[in-house]
Amino acid sequence: ADSVETVLAWAGTPLATAEVAEVCEISRGDAREQLGRVAHERHVG
């Protein structure tokens, strides 16, 4: 996937940082930073 927005729109359900990172083939840290710009988080653990 070319962006975290693309992954969230495709999934149609809330995703964890690790899931988005795996689909984008990027690190969890990079995914979390990018997600923080475009998405809302329901915090768990």
PDB file of all heavy atoms in Angstrom:
ATOM      1  N   ALA A   1       0.836  -1.198   0.000  1.00  0.00           N
ATOM      2  CA  ALA A   1       0.000   0.000   0.000  1.00  0.00           C
ATOM      3  C   ALA A   1       0.872   1.250   0.000  1.00  0.00           C
ATOM      4  O   ALA A   1       1.937   1.279   0.627  1.00  0.00           O
ATOM      5  CB  ALA A   1      -0.915   0.009   1.218  1.00  0.00           C
ATOM      6  N   ASP A   2       0.408   2.287  -0.704  1.00  0.00           N
ATOM      7  CA  ASP A   2       1.222   3.489  -0.854  1.00  0.00           C
ATOM      8  C   ASP A   2       1.004   4.517   0.244  1.00  0.00           C
ATOM      9  O   ASP A   2       1.735   5.511   0.327  1.00  0.00           O
ATOM     10  CB  ASP A   2       0.983   4.133  -2.224  1.00  0.00           C
ATOM     11  CG  ASP A   2      -0.483   4.501  -2.454  1.00  0.00           C
ATOM     12  OD1 ASP A   2      -1.304   4.346  -1.525  1.00  0.00           O
ATOM     13  OD2 ASP A   2      -0.806   4.927  -3.578  1.00  0.00           O
ATOM     14  N   SER A   3      -0.004   4.314   1.110  1.00  0.00           N
ATOM     15  CA  SER A   3      -0.237   5.264   2.201  1.00  0.00           C
ATOM     16  C   SER A   3      -1.063   4.601   3.286  1.00  0.00           C
ATOM     17  O   SER A   3      -1.809   3.645   3.028  1.00  0.00           O
ATOM     18  CB  SER A   3      -0.965   6.517   1.698  1.00  0.00           C
ATOM     19  OG  SER A   3      -2.322   6.225   1.385  1.00  0.00           O
ATOM     20  N   VAL A   4      -0.967   5.142   4.492  1.00  0.00           N
ATOM     21  CA  VAL A   4      -1.772   4.593   5.589  1.00  0.00           C
ATOM     22  C   VAL A   4      -3.246   4.909   5.369  1.00  0.00           C
ATOM     23  O   VAL A   4      -4.113   4.117   5.775  1.00  0.00           O
ATOM     24  CB  VAL A   4      -1.285   5.142   6.951  1.00  0.00           C
ATOM     25  CG1 VAL A   4       0.154   4.734   7.214  1.00  0.00           C
ATOM     26  CG2 VAL A   4      -1.457   6.649   7.058  1.00  0.00           C
ATOM     27  N   GLU A   5      -3.551   6.047   4.719  1.00  0.00           N
ATOM     28  CA  GLU A   5      -4.960   6.364   4.427  1.00  0.00           C
ATOM     29  C   GLU A   5      -5.578   5.307   3.521  1.00  0.00           C
ATOM     30  O   GLU A   5      -6.725   4.893   3.731  1.00  0.00           O
ATOM     31  CB  GLU A   5      -5.084   7.741   3.742  1.00  0.00           C
ATOM     32  CG  GLU A   5      -4.602   8.910   4.586  1.00  0.00           C
ATOM     33  CD  GLU A   5      -3.213   9.351   4.164  1.00  0.00           C
ATOM     34  OE1 GLU A   5      -2.324   8.479   4.009  1.00  0.00           O
ATOM     35  OE2 GLU A   5      -3.034  10.564   3.981  1.00  0.00           O
ATOM     36  N   THR A   6      -4.806   4.874   2.523  1.00  0.00           N
ATOM     37  CA  THR A   6      -5.295   3.850   1.605  1.00  0.00           C
ATOM     38  C   THR A   6      -5.653   2.570   2.357  1.00  0.00           C
ATOM     39  O   THR A   6      -6.687   1.944   2.095  1.00  0.00           O
ATOM     40  CB  THR A   6      -4.226   3.547   0.537  1.00  0.00           C
ATOM     41  OG1 THR A   6      -3.977   4.726  -0.224  1.00  0.00           O
ATOM     42  CG2 THR A   6      -4.682   2.439  -0.400  1.00  0.00           C
ATOM     43  N   VAL A   7      -4.818   2.187   3.311  1.00  0.00           N
ATOM     44  CA  VAL A   7      -5.057   0.955   4.060  1.00  0.00           C
ATOM     45  C   VAL A   7      -6.311   1.071   4.913  1.00  0.00           C
ATOM     46  O   VAL A   7      -7.151   0.157   4.935  1.00  0.00           O
ATOM     47  CB  VAL A   7      -3.832   0.612   4.938  1.00  0.00           C
ATOM     48  CG1 VAL A   7      -4.115  -0.628   5.778  1.00  0.00           C
ATOM     49  CG2 VAL A   7      -2.608   0.383   4.084  1.00  0.00           C
ATOM     50  N   LEU A   8      -6.474   2.170   5.630  1.00  0.00           N
ATOM     51  CA  LEU A   8      -7.651   2.328   6.489  1.00  0.00           C
ATOM     52  C   LEU A   8      -8.936   2.382   5.668  1.00  0.00           C
ATOM     53  O   LEU A   8      -9.957   1.809   6.067  1.00  0.00           O
ATOM     54  CB  LEU A   8      -7.513   3.585   7.349  1.00  0.00           C
ATOM     55  CG  LEU A   8      -6.445   3.542   8.448  1.00  0.00           C
ATOM     56  CD1 LEU A   8      -6.422   4.856   9.208  1.00  0.00           C
ATOM     57  CD2 LEU A   8      -6.668   2.382   9.407  1.00  0.00           C
ATOM     58  N   ALA A   9      -8.898   3.046   4.533  1.00  0.00           N
ATOM     59  CA  ALA A   9     -10.087   3.110   3.684  1.00  0.00           C
ATOM     60  C   ALA A   9     -10.424   1.742   3.110  1.00  0.00           C
ATOM     61  O   ALA A   9     -11.598   1.362   3.014  1.00  0.00           O
ATOM     62  CB  ALA A   9      -9.859   4.116   2.555  1.00  0.00           C
ATOM     63  N   TRP A  10      -9.407   0.982   2.756  1.00  0.00           N
ATOM     64  CA  TRP A  10      -9.615  -0.362   2.211  1.00  0.00           C
ATOM     65  C   TRP A  10     -10.166  -1.324   3.251  1.00  0.00           C
ATOM     66  O   TRP A  10     -11.073  -2.111   2.976  1.00  0.00           O
ATOM     67  CB  TRP A  10      -8.285  -0.879   1.663  1.00  0.00           C
ATOM     68  CG  TRP A  10      -8.196  -2.373   1.522  1.00  0.00           C
ATOM     69  CD1 TRP A  10      -8.736  -3.136   0.531  1.00  0.00           C
ATOM     70  CD2 TRP A  10      -7.513  -3.280   2.408  1.00  0.00           C
ATOM     71  NE1 TRP A  10      -8.436  -4.473   0.745  1.00  0.00           N
ATOM     72  CE2 TRP A  10      -7.680  -4.580   1.882  1.00  0.00           C
ATOM     73  CE3 TRP A  10      -6.768  -3.115   3.572  1.00  0.00           C
ATOM     74  CZ2 TRP A  10      -7.141  -5.702   2.504  1.00  0.00           C
ATOM     75  CZ3 TRP A  10      -6.231  -4.232   4.176  1.00  0.00           C
ATOM     76  CH2 TRP A  10      -6.415  -5.509   3.651  1.00  0.00           C
ATOM     77  N   ALA A  11      -9.641  -1.254   4.454  1.00  0.00           N
ATOM     78  CA  ALA A  11     -10.006  -2.235   5.485  1.00  0.00           C
ATOM     79  C   ALA A  11     -11.460  -2.105   5.907  1.00  0.00           C
ATOM     80  O   ALA A  11     -12.129  -3.108   6.172  1.00  0.00           O
ATOM     81  CB  ALA A  11      -9.090  -2.086   6.695  1.00  0.00           C
ATOM     82  N   GLY A  12     -11.963  -0.895   6.007  1.00  0.00           N
ATOM     83  CA  GLY A  12     -13.343  -0.697   6.425  1.00  0.00           C
ATOM     84  C   GLY A  12     -13.600  -1.012   7.878  1.00  0.00           C
ATOM     85  O   GLY A  12     -14.753  -1.150   8.295  1.00  0.00           O
ATOM     86  N   THR A  13     -12.534  -1.158   8.655  1.00  0.00           N
ATOM     87  CA  THR A  13     -12.651  -1.432  10.083  1.00  0.00           C
ATOM     88  C   THR A  13     -11.429  -0.852  10.772  1.00  0.00           C
ATOM     89  O   THR A  13     -10.376  -0.713  10.122  1.00  0.00           O
ATOM     90  CB  THR A  13     -12.748  -2.948  10.347  1.00  0.00           C
ATOM     91  OG1 THR A  13     -13.107  -3.195  11.699  1.00  0.00           O
ATOM     92  CG2 THR A  13     -11.427  -3.648  10.052  1.00  0.00           C
ATOM     93  N   PRO A  14     -11.516  -0.461  12.038  1.00  0.00           N
ATOM     94  CA  PRO A  14     -10.328   0.076  12.714  1.00  0.00           C
ATOM     95  C   PRO A  14      -9.183  -0.933  12.722  1.00  0.00           C
ATOM     96  O   PRO A  14      -9.385  -2.127  12.922  1.00  0.00           O
ATOM     97  CB  PRO A  14     -10.833   0.358  14.134  1.00  0.00           C
ATOM     98  CG  PRO A  14     -12.311   0.569  13.971  1.00  0.00           C
ATOM     99  CD  PRO A  14     -12.717  -0.387  12.894  1.00  0.00           C
ATOM    100  N   LEU A  15      -7.982  -0.434  12.504  1.00  0.00           N
ATOM    101  CA  LEU A  15      -6.794  -1.283  12.449  1.00  0.00           C
ATOM    102  C   LEU A  15      -5.762  -0.827  13.466  1.00  0.00           C
ATOM    103  O   LEU A  15      -5.666   0.359  13.791  1.00  0.00           O
ATOM    104  CB  LEU A  15      -6.152  -1.234  11.056  1.00  0.00           C
ATOM    105  CG  LEU A  15      -6.949  -1.790   9.882  1.00  0.00           C
ATOM    106  CD1 LEU A  15      -6.115  -1.684   8.604  1.00  0.00           C
ATOM    107  CD2 LEU A  15      -7.389  -3.222  10.115  1.00  0.00           C
ATOM    108  N   ALA A  16      -4.969  -1.778  13.927  1.00  0.00           N
ATOM    109  CA  ALA A  16      -3.845  -1.473  14.804  1.00  0.00           C
ATOM    110  C   ALA A  16      -2.678  -0.931  13.987  1.00  0.00           C
ATOM    111  O   ALA A  16      -2.575  -1.168  12.777  1.00  0.00           O
ATOM    112  CB  ALA A  16      -3.410  -2.728  15.550  1.00  0.00           C
ATOM    113  N   THR A  17      -1.799  -0.218  14.661  1.00  0.00           N
ATOM    114  CA  THR A  17      -0.601   0.302  13.998  1.00  0.00           C
ATOM    115  C   THR A  17       0.171  -0.817  13.306  1.00  0.00           C
ATOM    116  O   THR A  17       0.628  -0.665  12.166  1.00  0.00           O
ATOM    117  CB  THR A  17       0.310   1.001  15.023  1.00  0.00           C
ATOM    118  OG1 THR A  17      -0.426   2.022  15.695  1.00  0.00           O
ATOM    119  CG2 THR A  17       1.523   1.608  14.351  1.00  0.00           C
ATOM    120  N   ALA A  18       0.321  -1.953  13.998  1.00  0.00           N
ATOM    121  CA  ALA A  18       1.093  -3.062  13.435  1.00  0.00           C
ATOM    122  C   ALA A  18       0.467  -3.592  12.156  1.00  0.00           C
ATOM    123  O   ALA A  18       1.182  -4.014  11.232  1.00  0.00           O
ATOM    124  CB  ALA A  18       1.223  -4.190  14.467  1.00  0.00           C
ATOM    125  N   GLU A  19      -0.842  -3.589  12.065  1.00  0.00           N
ATOM    126  CA  GLU A  19      -1.510  -4.073  10.859  1.00  0.00           C
ATOM    127  C   GLU A  19      -1.272  -3.134   9.691  1.00  0.00           C
ATOM    128  O   GLU A  19      -0.978  -3.563   8.567  1.00  0.00           O
ATOM    129  CB  GLU A  19      -3.001  -4.225  11.137  1.00  0.00           C
ATOM    130  CG  GLU A  19      -3.313  -5.318  12.141  1.00  0.00           C
ATOM    131  CD  GLU A  19      -4.785  -5.380  12.499  1.00  0.00           C
ATOM    132  OE1 GLU A  19      -5.322  -4.392  13.041  1.00  0.00           O
ATOM    133  OE2 GLU A  19      -5.404  -6.436  12.255  1.00  0.00           O
ATOM    134  N   VAL A  20      -1.414  -1.840   9.938  1.00  0.00           N
ATOM    135  CA  VAL A  20      -1.169  -0.857   8.881  1.00  0.00           C
ATOM    136  C   VAL A  20       0.287  -0.927   8.418  1.00  0.00           C
ATOM    137  O   VAL A  20       0.576  -0.903   7.219  1.00  0.00           O
ATOM    138  CB  VAL A  20      -1.517   0.555   9.374  1.00  0.00           C
ATOM    139  CG1 VAL A  20      -1.178   1.598   8.314  1.00  0.00           C
ATOM    140  CG2 VAL A  20      -2.998   0.650   9.748  1.00  0.00           C
ATOM    141  N   ALA A  21       1.202  -1.035   9.373  1.00  0.00           N
ATOM    142  CA  ALA A  21       2.619  -1.118   9.035  1.00  0.00           C
ATOM    143  C   ALA A  21       2.911  -2.327   8.163  1.00  0.00           C
ATOM    144  O   ALA A  21       3.685  -2.237   7.191  1.00  0.00           O
ATOM    145  CB  ALA A  21       3.452  -1.175  10.317  1.00  0.00           C
ATOM    146  N   GLU A  22       2.306  -3.461   8.474  1.00  0.00           N
ATOM    147  CA  GLU A  22       2.558  -4.688   7.707  1.00  0.00           C
ATOM    148  C   GLU A  22       2.062  -4.550   6.274  1.00  0.00           C
ATOM    149  O   GLU A  22       2.747  -4.973   5.326  1.00  0.00           O
ATOM    150  CB  GLU A  22       1.875  -5.875   8.395  1.00  0.00           C
ATOM    151  CG  GLU A  22       2.215  -7.222   7.806  1.00  0.00           C
ATOM    152  CD  GLU A  22       3.650  -7.651   8.030  1.00  0.00           C
ATOM    153  OE1 GLU A  22       4.244  -7.275   9.064  1.00  0.00           O
ATOM    154  OE2 GLU A  22       4.200  -8.361   7.159  1.00  0.00           O
ATOM    155  N   VAL A  23       0.896  -3.965   6.089  1.00  0.00           N
ATOM    156  CA  VAL A  23       0.352  -3.821   4.739  1.00  0.00           C
ATOM    157  C   VAL A  23       1.168  -2.814   3.929  1.00  0.00           C
ATOM    158  O   VAL A  23       1.369  -2.985   2.729  1.00  0.00           O
ATOM    159  CB  VAL A  23      -1.131  -3.410   4.799  1.00  0.00           C
ATOM    160  CG1 VAL A  23      -1.677  -3.150   3.396  1.00  0.00           C
ATOM    161  CG2 VAL A  23      -1.960  -4.503   5.478  1.00  0.00           C
ATOM    162  N   CYS A  24       1.636  -1.748   4.586  1.00  0.00           N
ATOM    163  CA  CYS A  24       2.457  -0.743   3.904  1.00  0.00           C
ATOM    164  C   CYS A  24       3.922  -1.170   3.779  1.00  0.00           C
ATOM    165  O   CYS A  24       4.694  -0.518   3.056  1.00  0.00           O
ATOM    166  CB  CYS A  24       2.397   0.587   4.655  1.00  0.00           C
ATOM    167  SG  CYS A  24       0.803   1.425   4.561  1.00  0.00           S
ATOM    168  N   GLU A  25       4.303  -2.214   4.508  1.00  0.00           N
ATOM    169  CA  GLU A  25       5.695  -2.682   4.556  1.00  0.00           C
ATOM    170  C   GLU A  25       6.631  -1.575   5.037  1.00  0.00           C
ATOM    171  O   GLU A  25       7.676  -1.285   4.439  1.00  0.00           O
ATOM    172  CB  GLU A  25       6.133  -3.240   3.196  1.00  0.00           C
ATOM    173  CG  GLU A  25       5.308  -4.446   2.753  1.00  0.00           C
ATOM    174  CD  GLU A  25       5.760  -5.040   1.435  1.00  0.00           C
ATOM    175  OE1 GLU A  25       6.968  -4.992   1.145  1.00  0.00           O
ATOM    176  OE2 GLU A  25       4.892  -5.535   0.686  1.00  0.00           O
ATOM    177  N   ILE A  26       6.230  -0.946   6.148  1.00  0.00           N
ATOM    178  CA  ILE A  26       7.036   0.069   6.810  1.00  0.00           C
ATOM    179  C   ILE A  26       7.127  -0.286   8.287  1.00  0.00           C
ATOM    180  O   ILE A  26       6.452  -1.206   8.762  1.00  0.00           O
ATOM    181  CB  ILE A  26       6.446   1.485   6.636  1.00  0.00           C
ATOM    182  CG1 ILE A  26       5.022   1.557   7.217  1.00  0.00           C
ATOM    183  CG2 ILE A  26       6.446   1.887   5.162  1.00  0.00           C
ATOM    184  CD1 ILE A  26       4.380   2.933   7.132  1.00  0.00           C
ATOM    185  N   SER A  27       7.954   0.434   9.041  1.00  0.00           N
ATOM    186  CA  SER A  27       8.093   0.150  10.463  1.00  0.00           C
ATOM    187  C   SER A  27       6.855   0.610  11.224  1.00  0.00           C
ATOM    188  O   SER A  27       6.104   1.483  10.761  1.00  0.00           O
ATOM    189  CB  SER A  27       9.320   0.861  11.031  1.00  0.00           C
ATOM    190  OG  SER A  27       9.103   2.274  11.079  1.00  0.00           O
ATOM    191  N   ARG A  28       6.645   0.028  12.411  1.00  0.00           N
ATOM    192  CA  ARG A  28       5.520   0.465  13.245  1.00  0.00           C
ATOM    193  C   ARG A  28       5.679   1.930  13.639  1.00  0.00           C
ATOM    194  O   ARG A  28       4.696   2.668  13.713  1.00  0.00           O
ATOM    195  CB  ARG A  28       5.399  -0.428  14.480  1.00  0.00           C
ATOM    196  CG  ARG A  28       4.964  -1.847  14.164  1.00  0.00           C
ATOM    197  CD  ARG A  28       4.353  -2.547  15.363  1.00  0.00           C
ATOM    198  NE  ARG A  28       5.249  -2.728  16.464  1.00  0.00           N
ATOM    199  CZ  ARG A  28       5.949  -3.828  16.717  1.00  0.00           C
ATOM    200  NH1 ARG A  28       5.888  -4.847  15.868  1.00  0.00           N
ATOM    201  NH2 ARG A  28       6.722  -3.926  17.784  1.00  0.00           N
ATOM    202  N   GLY A  29       6.912   2.362  13.898  1.00  0.00           N
ATOM    203  CA  GLY A  29       7.133   3.754  14.257  1.00  0.00           C
ATOM    204  C   GLY A  29       6.737   4.703  13.146  1.00  0.00           C
ATOM    205  O   GLY A  29       6.065   5.721  13.392  1.00  0.00           O
ATOM    206  N   ASP A  30       7.131   4.383  11.906  1.00  0.00           N
ATOM    207  CA  ASP A  30       6.755   5.228  10.773  1.00  0.00           C
ATOM    208  C   ASP A  30       5.243   5.209  10.559  1.00  0.00           C
ATOM    209  O   ASP A  30       4.629   6.248  10.275  1.00  0.00           O
ATOM    210  CB  ASP A  30       7.457   4.749   9.501  1.00  0.00           C
ATOM    211  CG  ASP A  30       8.934   5.117   9.475  1.00  0.00           C
ATOM    212  OD1 ASP A  30       9.354   5.947  10.302  1.00  0.00           O
ATOM    213  OD2 ASP A  30       9.659   4.561   8.627  1.00  0.00           O
ATOM    214  N   ALA A  31       4.643   4.024  10.699  1.00  0.00           N
ATOM    215  CA  ALA A  31       3.193   3.930  10.512  1.00  0.00           C
ATOM    216  C   ALA A  31       2.455   4.764  11.551  1.00  0.00           C
ATOM    217  O   ALA A  31       1.501   5.483  11.230  1.00  0.00           O
ATOM    218  CB  ALA A  31       2.750   2.470  10.589  1.00  0.00           C
ATOM    219  N   ARG A  32       2.905   4.677  12.797  1.00  0.00           N
ATOM    220  CA  ARG A  32       2.234   5.429  13.858  1.00  0.00           C
ATOM    221  C   ARG A  32       2.338   6.935  13.621  1.00  0.00           C
ATOM    222  O   ARG A  32       1.370   7.672  13.815  1.00  0.00           O
ATOM    223  CB  ARG A  32       2.820   5.047  15.221  1.00  0.00           C
ATOM    224  CG  ARG A  32       2.069   5.661  16.382  1.00  0.00           C
ATOM    225  CD  ARG A  32       2.437   5.044  17.721  1.00  0.00           C
ATOM    226  NE  ARG A  32       1.623   5.647  18.748  1.00  0.00           N
ATOM    227  CZ  ARG A  32       0.376   5.310  19.046  1.00  0.00           C
ATOM    228  NH1 ARG A  32      -0.203   4.335  18.379  1.00  0.00           N
ATOM    229  NH2 ARG A  32      -0.308   5.924  19.981  1.00  0.00           N
ATOM    230  N   GLU A  33       3.511   7.392  13.182  1.00  0.00           N
ATOM    231  CA  GLU A  33       3.669   8.822  12.908  1.00  0.00           C
ATOM    232  C   GLU A  33       2.725   9.271  11.785  1.00  0.00           C
ATOM    233  O   GLU A  33       2.055  10.312  11.890  1.00  0.00           O
ATOM    234  CB  GLU A  33       5.111   9.129  12.533  1.00  0.00           C
ATOM    235  CG  GLU A  33       5.354  10.606  12.250  1.00  0.00           C
ATOM    236  CD  GLU A  33       6.801  10.913  11.943  1.00  0.00           C
ATOM    237  OE1 GLU A  33       7.660  10.031  12.112  1.00  0.00           O
ATOM    238  OE2 GLU A  33       7.060  12.066  11.541  1.00  0.00           O
ATOM    239  N   GLN A  34       2.646   8.468  10.723  1.00  0.00           N
ATOM    240  CA  GLN A  34       1.780   8.833   9.605  1.00  0.00           C
ATOM    241  C   GLN A  34       0.304   8.746   9.986  1.00  0.00           C
ATOM    242  O   GLN A  34      -0.504   9.589   9.573  1.00  0.00           O
ATOM    243  CB  GLN A  34       2.089   7.931   8.410  1.00  0.00           C
ATOM    244  CG  GLN A  34       3.478   8.137   7.835  1.00  0.00           C
ATOM    245  CD  GLN A  34       3.818   7.154   6.733  1.00  0.00           C
ATOM    246  OE1 GLN A  34       2.944   6.738   5.965  1.00  0.00           O
ATOM    247  NE2 GLN A  34       5.085   6.748   6.645  1.00  0.00           N
ATOM    248  N   LEU A  35      -0.063   7.741  10.756  1.00  0.00           N
ATOM    249  CA  LEU A  35      -1.445   7.608  11.191  1.00  0.00           C
ATOM    250  C   LEU A  35      -1.876   8.796  12.055  1.00  0.00           C
ATOM    251  O   LEU A  35      -3.019   9.263  11.970  1.00  0.00           O
ATOM    252  CB  LEU A  35      -1.623   6.297  11.971  1.00  0.00           C
ATOM    253  CG  LEU A  35      -1.644   5.025  11.119  1.00  0.00           C
ATOM    254  CD1 LEU A  35      -1.407   3.802  11.996  1.00  0.00           C
ATOM    255  CD2 LEU A  35      -2.959   4.899  10.369  1.00  0.00           C
ATOM    256  N   GLY A  36      -0.958   9.280  12.883  1.00  0.00           N
ATOM    257  CA  GLY A  36      -1.275  10.406  13.749  1.00  0.00           C
ATOM    258  C   GLY A  36      -1.655  11.658  12.996  1.00  0.00           C
ATOM    259  O   GLY A  36      -2.332  12.547  13.544  1.00  0.00           O
ATOM    260  N   ARG A  37      -1.269  11.753  11.729  1.00  0.00           N
ATOM    261  CA  ARG A  37      -1.588  12.934  10.926  1.00  0.00           C
ATOM    262  C   ARG A  37      -2.971  12.859  10.283  1.00  0.00           C
ATOM    263  O   ARG A  37      -3.538  13.890   9.913  1.00  0.00           O
ATOM    264  CB  ARG A  37      -0.540  13.102   9.818  1.00  0.00           C
ATOM    265  CG  ARG A  37       0.888  13.287  10.298  1.00  0.00           C
ATOM    266  CD  ARG A  37       1.817  13.578   9.116  1.00  0.00           C
ATOM    267  NE  ARG A  37       3.221  13.585   9.544  1.00  0.00           N
ATOM    268  CZ  ARG A  37       4.159  12.804   9.048  1.00  0.00           C
ATOM    269  NH1 ARG A  37       3.849  11.930   8.082  1.00  0.00           N
ATOM    270  NH2 ARG A  37       5.406  12.877   9.476  1.00  0.00           N
ATOM    271  N   VAL A  38      -3.494  11.634  10.103  1.00  0.00           N
ATOM    272  CA  VAL A  38      -4.708  11.504   9.281  1.00  0.00           C
ATOM    273  C   VAL A  38      -5.831  10.715   9.943  1.00  0.00           C
ATOM    274  O   VAL A  38      -6.922  10.618   9.384  1.00  0.00           O
ATOM    275  CB  VAL A  38      -4.367  10.819   7.935  1.00  0.00           C
ATOM    276  CG1 VAL A  38      -3.373  11.653   7.145  1.00  0.00           C
ATOM    277  CG2 VAL A  38      -3.842   9.399   8.147  1.00  0.00           C
ATOM    278  N   ALA A  39      -5.577  10.147  11.125  1.00  0.00           N
ATOM    279  CA  ALA A  39      -6.563   9.232  11.711  1.00  0.00           C
ATOM    280  C   ALA A  39      -6.721   9.474  13.204  1.00  0.00           C
ATOM    281  O   ALA A  39      -5.890  10.123  13.843  1.00  0.00           O
ATOM    282  CB  ALA A  39      -6.138   7.776  11.459  1.00  0.00           C
ATOM    283  N   HIS A  40      -7.828   8.961  13.736  1.00  0.00           N
ATOM    284  CA  HIS A  40      -8.093   9.006  15.176  1.00  0.00           C
ATOM    285  C   HIS A  40      -7.801   7.633  15.771  1.00  0.00           C
ATOM    286  O   HIS A  40      -8.082   6.604  15.155  1.00  0.00           O
ATOM    287  CB  HIS A  40      -9.555   9.374  15.452  1.00  0.00           C
ATOM    288  CG  HIS A  40      -9.920  10.748  15.008  1.00  0.00           C
ATOM    289  ND1 HIS A  40      -9.288  11.882  15.458  1.00  0.00           N
ATOM    290  CD2 HIS A  40     -10.883  11.172  14.135  1.00  0.00           C
ATOM    291  CE1 HIS A  40      -9.842  12.943  14.904  1.00  0.00           C
ATOM    292  NE2 HIS A  40     -10.799  12.548  14.092  1.00  0.00           N
ATOM    293  N   GLU A  41      -7.287   7.620  16.997  1.00  0.00           N
ATOM    294  CA  GLU A  41      -6.925   6.372  17.668  1.00  0.00           C
ATOM    295  C   GLU A  41      -7.828   6.125  18.865  1.00  0.00           C
ATOM    296  O   GLU A  41      -8.054   7.015  19.677  1.00  0.00           O
ATOM    297  CB  GLU A  41      -5.469   6.436  18.145  1.00  0.00           C
ATOM    298  CG  GLU A  41      -5.000   5.175  18.862  1.00  0.00           C
ATOM    299  CD  GLU A  41      -3.611   5.339  19.470  1.00  0.00           C
ATOM    300  OE1 GLU A  41      -3.220   6.488  19.752  1.00  0.00           O
ATOM    301  OE2 GLU A  41      -2.936   4.317  19.664  1.00  0.00           O
ATOM    302  N   ARG A  42      -8.347   4.882  18.957  1.00  0.00           N
ATOM    303  CA  ARG A  42      -8.985   4.427  20.191  1.00  0.00           C
ATOM    304  C   ARG A  42      -7.933   3.653  20.957  1.00  0.00           C
ATOM    305  O   ARG A  42      -7.551   2.566  20.572  1.00  0.00           O
ATOM    306  CB  ARG A  42     -10.206   3.546  19.909  1.00  0.00           C
ATOM    307  CG  ARG A  42     -10.921   3.107  21.191  1.00  0.00           C
ATOM    308  CD  ARG A  42     -12.177   2.308  20.906  1.00  0.00           C
ATOM    309  NE  ARG A  42     -11.906   0.984  20.388  1.00  0.00           N
ATOM    310  CZ  ARG A  42     -11.601  -0.083  21.136  1.00  0.00           C
ATOM    311  NH1 ARG A  42     -11.499   0.037  22.467  1.00  0.00           N
ATOM    312  NH2 ARG A  42     -11.395  -1.259  20.580  1.00  0.00           N
ATOM    313  N   HIS A  43      -7.469   4.245  22.034  1.00  0.00           N
ATOM    314  CA  HIS A  43      -6.319   3.705  22.750  1.00  0.00           C
ATOM    315  C   HIS A  43      -6.674   2.398  23.461  1.00  0.00           C
ATOM    316  O   HIS A  43      -7.687   2.295  24.143  1.00  0.00           O
ATOM    317  CB  HIS A  43      -5.827   4.732  23.776  1.00  0.00           C
ATOM    318  CG  HIS A  43      -4.564   4.334  24.462  1.00  0.00           C
ATOM    319  ND1 HIS A  43      -3.328   4.426  23.858  1.00  0.00           N
ATOM    320  CD2 HIS A  43      -4.339   3.818  25.696  1.00  0.00           C
ATOM    321  CE1 HIS A  43      -2.412   4.004  24.699  1.00  0.00           C
ATOM    322  NE2 HIS A  43      -2.982   3.628  25.813  1.00  0.00           N
ATOM    323  N   VAL A  44      -5.818   1.393  23.289  1.00  0.00           N
ATOM    324  CA  VAL A  44      -5.923   0.116  24.001  1.00  0.00           C
ATOM    325  C   VAL A  44      -4.505  -0.340  24.331  1.00  0.00           C
ATOM    326  O   VAL A  44      -3.661  -0.442  23.439  1.00  0.00           O
ATOM    327  CB  VAL A  44      -6.628  -0.975  23.167  1.00  0.00           C
ATOM    328  CG1 VAL A  44      -6.595  -2.317  23.909  1.00  0.00           C
ATOM    329  CG2 VAL A  44      -8.055  -0.586  22.851  1.00  0.00           C
ATOM    330  N   GLY A  45      -4.238  -0.600  25.602  1.00  0.00           N
ATOM    331  CA  GLY A  45      -2.907  -1.034  25.981  1.00  0.00           C
ATOM    332  C   GLY A  45      -1.867  -0.004  25.592  1.00  0.00           C
ATOM    333  O   GLY A  45      -2.021   1.186  25.840  1.00  0.00           O
TER     334      GLY A  45
END
